[in-house]
Amino acid sequence: MKESCTFISYEAVTELSLEKRLEYMNDKVLDEYQERAGDLVETQLLENFE
């Protein structure tokens, strides 16, 4: 399931909130900001072993 779940990080939401023309953008812009939960888990595991 973690491979199919996506989310938008708080940092990305903050960045989006600064966009001056956000109201004119469509939902596809969110694809640029989404992250996969599986990728995050793998990154965190690797950081813990370093």
Protein backbone atom coordinates (compact mmCIF):
# COMPACT_ATOMS: atom_id res chain seq x y z
CA MET A 1 0.00 0.00 0.00
CA LYS A 2 2.84 2.40 0.76
CA GLU A 3 3.86 2.28 -2.92
CA SER A 4 0.48 3.63 -4.04
CA CYS A 5 -0.09 6.28 -1.36
CA THR A 6 0.97 9.84 -2.09
CA PHE A 7 1.01 12.99 0.01
CA ILE A 8 2.04 16.62 -0.16
CA SER A 9 4.54 17.66 2.49
CA TYR A 10 4.07 20.68 4.73
CA GLU A 11 7.02 22.30 2.96
CA ALA A 12 5.31 21.85 -0.42
CA VAL A 13 2.04 23.27 0.93
CA THR A 14 3.92 26.31 2.21
CA GLU A 15 5.60 26.73 -1.17
CA LEU A 16 2.24 26.44 -2.94
CA SER A 17 0.68 29.01 -0.62
CA LEU A 18 3.26 31.55 -1.80
CA GLU A 19 2.21 31.09 -5.43
CA LYS A 20 0.62 34.35 -6.55
CA ARG A 21 -1.58 32.79 -9.23
CA LEU A 22 -2.61 29.62 -7.39
CA GLU A 23 -6.30 30.31 -7.95
CA TYR A 24 -5.77 30.03 -11.72
CA MET A 25 -3.84 26.75 -11.64
CA ASN A 26 -5.44 23.38 -12.17
CA ASP A 27 -5.03 20.24 -10.07
CA LYS A 28 -2.20 18.94 -12.25
CA VAL A 29 0.20 21.33 -10.53
CA LEU A 30 -0.14 19.12 -7.44
CA ASP A 31 1.55 16.28 -9.32
CA GLU A 32 4.78 18.26 -9.14
CA TYR A 33 4.58 18.43 -5.35
CA GLN A 34 3.34 14.97 -4.43
CA GLU A 35 5.62 12.41 -2.86
CA ARG A 36 5.19 8.66 -2.50
CA ALA A 37 4.92 7.27 1.01
CA GLY A 38 7.14 4.31 0.05
CA ASP A 39 9.92 6.64 -1.07
CA LEU A 40 9.75 8.51 2.23
CA VAL A 41 9.96 5.29 4.26
CA GLU A 42 13.00 4.12 2.28
CA THR A 43 14.72 7.50 2.71
CA GLN A 44 14.12 7.50 6.45
CA LEU A 45 15.44 3.95 6.79
CA LEU A 46 18.60 4.83 4.88
CA GLU A 47 19.17 7.94 7.01
CA ASN A 48 18.86 5.88 10.20
CA PHE A 49 21.60 3.49 9.07
CA GLU A 50 24.12 6.20 8.13
